[in-house]
Amino acid sequence: MSTRDRRTYDHRLRELVWRTQDTSSVACLSIPRSTLDDWLRCPPNPVVTLDELDQEVGEL
């Protein structure tokens, strides 16, 4: 069995493609067509972020 490195992409790219249903805006990034097809089919998972810039180190 061979192992392949799995590429990761910014969640905002996936959301952009899914929301607009247009892959031309990310064409220059060389994202595989199969990945873009997945992004078009399935809505992105919710992403929880933490705005660490507004918090003290102890609060993080």
N, C-alpha and C. Protein backbone atom coordinates (compact mmCIF):
# COMPACT_ATOMS: atom_id res chain seq x y z
N MET A 1 0.85 -1.17 0.00
CA MET A 1 0.00 0.00 0.00
C MET A 1 0.90 1.24 0.00
N SER A 2 0.64 2.15 -0.89
CA SER A 2 1.44 3.37 -0.93
C SER A 2 0.74 4.48 -0.15
N THR A 3 1.54 5.36 0.37
CA THR A 3 0.98 6.49 1.10
C THR A 3 1.24 7.75 0.31
N ARG A 4 0.25 8.61 0.28
CA ARG A 4 0.38 9.89 -0.40
C ARG A 4 0.26 11.00 0.63
N ASP A 5 0.97 12.06 0.38
CA ASP A 5 0.81 13.22 1.25
C ASP A 5 -0.54 13.85 0.96
N ARG A 6 -1.24 14.12 2.02
CA ARG A 6 -2.55 14.74 1.87
C ARG A 6 -2.38 16.25 1.91
N ARG A 7 -2.89 16.91 0.90
CA ARG A 7 -2.80 18.36 0.85
C ARG A 7 -3.87 18.96 1.75
N THR A 8 -3.54 20.09 2.33
CA THR A 8 -4.53 20.82 3.11
C THR A 8 -4.69 22.21 2.53
N TYR A 9 -5.88 22.73 2.63
CA TYR A 9 -6.21 24.03 2.07
C TYR A 9 -6.92 24.87 3.13
N ASP A 10 -6.79 26.15 3.00
CA ASP A 10 -7.47 27.06 3.90
C ASP A 10 -8.98 26.86 3.79
N HIS A 11 -9.65 26.81 4.92
CA HIS A 11 -11.09 26.55 4.92
C HIS A 11 -11.85 27.64 4.18
N ARG A 12 -11.28 28.84 4.10
CA ARG A 12 -11.96 29.93 3.39
C ARG A 12 -11.99 29.70 1.88
N LEU A 13 -10.99 28.99 1.35
CA LEU A 13 -11.02 28.65 -0.06
C LEU A 13 -12.17 27.71 -0.37
N ARG A 14 -12.31 26.70 0.48
CA ARG A 14 -13.40 25.75 0.27
C ARG A 14 -14.75 26.44 0.37
N GLU A 15 -14.89 27.32 1.33
CA GLU A 15 -16.16 28.04 1.49
C GLU A 15 -16.44 28.93 0.28
N LEU A 16 -15.40 29.59 -0.24
CA LEU A 16 -15.56 30.44 -1.41
C LEU A 16 -16.05 29.64 -2.61
N VAL A 17 -15.43 28.50 -2.86
CA VAL A 17 -15.82 27.66 -3.99
C VAL A 17 -17.24 27.15 -3.80
N TRP A 18 -17.57 26.71 -2.61
CA TRP A 18 -18.91 26.16 -2.38
C TRP A 18 -19.98 27.26 -2.48
N ARG A 19 -19.70 28.42 -1.91
CA ARG A 19 -20.67 29.52 -1.91
C ARG A 19 -20.93 30.05 -3.32
N THR A 20 -19.87 30.22 -4.10
CA THR A 20 -20.01 30.79 -5.43
C THR A 20 -20.30 29.74 -6.50
N GLN A 21 -20.01 28.47 -6.20
CA GLN A 21 -20.13 27.39 -7.17
C GLN A 21 -19.31 27.69 -8.42
N ASP A 22 -18.16 28.33 -8.20
CA ASP A 22 -17.28 28.73 -9.30
C ASP A 22 -15.84 28.42 -8.91
N THR A 23 -15.18 27.61 -9.73
CA THR A 23 -13.80 27.23 -9.43
C THR A 23 -12.78 28.13 -10.11
N SER A 24 -13.22 29.04 -10.95
CA SER A 24 -12.26 29.88 -11.68
C SER A 24 -11.49 30.82 -10.76
N SER A 25 -12.06 31.18 -9.63
CA SER A 25 -11.38 32.10 -8.72
C SER A 25 -10.17 31.46 -8.03
N VAL A 26 -10.08 30.14 -8.02
CA VAL A 26 -8.95 29.45 -7.39
C VAL A 26 -8.15 28.64 -8.41
N ALA A 27 -8.39 28.86 -9.68
CA ALA A 27 -7.72 28.08 -10.74
C ALA A 27 -6.21 28.23 -10.70
N CYS A 28 -5.71 29.38 -10.31
CA CYS A 28 -4.27 29.63 -10.31
C CYS A 28 -3.55 28.88 -9.18
N LEU A 29 -4.28 28.25 -8.28
CA LEU A 29 -3.68 27.56 -7.13
C LEU A 29 -3.39 26.09 -7.39
N SER A 30 -3.71 25.60 -8.56
CA SER A 30 -3.44 24.20 -8.94
C SER A 30 -4.07 23.20 -7.98
N ILE A 31 -5.29 23.45 -7.56
CA ILE A 31 -6.02 22.51 -6.72
C ILE A 31 -6.59 21.43 -7.64
N PRO A 32 -6.39 20.15 -7.30
CA PRO A 32 -6.88 19.07 -8.16
C PRO A 32 -8.38 19.17 -8.43
N ARG A 33 -8.76 18.81 -9.63
CA ARG A 33 -10.16 18.87 -10.04
C ARG A 33 -11.05 18.01 -9.13
N SER A 34 -10.54 16.87 -8.70
CA SER A 34 -11.34 15.99 -7.83
C SER A 34 -11.62 16.67 -6.49
N THR A 35 -10.67 17.43 -5.99
CA THR A 35 -10.87 18.16 -4.74
C THR A 35 -11.92 19.24 -4.94
N LEU A 36 -11.82 19.97 -6.03
CA LEU A 36 -12.81 21.02 -6.31
C LEU A 36 -14.20 20.43 -6.48
N ASP A 37 -14.29 19.27 -7.11
CA ASP A 37 -15.59 18.60 -7.26
C ASP A 37 -16.19 18.26 -5.90
N ASP A 38 -15.36 17.79 -4.98
CA ASP A 38 -15.83 17.50 -3.62
C ASP A 38 -16.33 18.77 -2.95
N TRP A 39 -15.57 19.82 -3.10
CA TRP A 39 -15.95 21.10 -2.50
C TRP A 39 -17.28 21.61 -3.04
N LEU A 40 -17.54 21.37 -4.32
CA LEU A 40 -18.79 21.83 -4.93
C LEU A 40 -19.98 21.00 -4.47
N ARG A 41 -19.74 19.72 -4.18
CA ARG A 41 -20.82 18.82 -3.78
C ARG A 41 -21.26 18.96 -2.33
N CYS A 42 -20.31 19.12 -1.44
CA CYS A 42 -20.61 19.09 -0.01
C CYS A 42 -20.37 20.45 0.64
N PRO A 43 -21.31 20.89 1.46
CA PRO A 43 -21.07 22.15 2.16
C PRO A 43 -19.88 22.02 3.11
N PRO A 44 -19.17 23.12 3.32
CA PRO A 44 -18.02 23.05 4.22
C PRO A 44 -18.44 22.80 5.66
N ASN A 45 -17.57 22.15 6.41
CA ASN A 45 -17.82 21.93 7.83
C ASN A 45 -17.68 23.26 8.57
N PRO A 46 -18.42 23.43 9.65
CA PRO A 46 -18.27 24.65 10.43
C PRO A 46 -16.86 24.74 11.01
N VAL A 47 -16.33 25.93 11.06
CA VAL A 47 -14.99 26.15 11.60
C VAL A 47 -15.12 27.06 12.81
N VAL A 48 -14.53 26.62 13.90
CA VAL A 48 -14.53 27.41 15.12
C VAL A 48 -13.15 28.03 15.26
N THR A 49 -13.13 29.34 15.39
CA THR A 49 -11.85 30.03 15.53
C THR A 49 -11.82 30.82 16.83
N LEU A 50 -10.63 31.17 17.20
CA LEU A 50 -10.42 31.94 18.42
C LEU A 50 -9.65 33.19 18.05
N ASP A 51 -10.18 34.33 18.39
CA ASP A 51 -9.50 35.58 18.09
C ASP A 51 -8.48 35.84 19.19
N GLU A 52 -7.32 35.23 19.03
CA GLU A 52 -6.28 35.30 20.07
C GLU A 52 -5.66 36.67 20.20
N LEU A 53 -5.83 37.53 19.24
CA LEU A 53 -5.21 38.85 19.30
C LEU A 53 -5.85 39.75 20.36
N ASP A 54 -7.08 39.47 20.72
CA ASP A 54 -7.78 40.27 21.71
C ASP A 54 -7.69 39.70 23.11
N GLN A 55 -6.89 38.65 23.30
CA GLN A 55 -6.83 38.00 24.61
C GLN A 55 -5.40 38.03 25.15
N GLU A 56 -5.33 38.01 26.45
CA GLU A 56 -4.05 37.90 27.12
C GLU A 56 -3.58 36.45 27.02
N VAL A 57 -2.29 36.23 27.19
CA VAL A 57 -1.73 34.89 27.09
C VAL A 57 -2.41 33.93 28.07
N GLY A 58 -2.69 34.36 29.27
CA GLY A 58 -3.34 33.52 30.27
C GLY A 58 -4.75 33.12 29.88
N GLU A 59 -5.44 33.94 29.10
CA GLU A 59 -6.80 33.63 28.67
C GLU A 59 -6.83 32.57 27.58
N LEU A 60 -5.73 32.47 26.84
CA LEU A 60 -5.69 31.49 25.77
C LEU A 60 -5.69 30.08 26.33
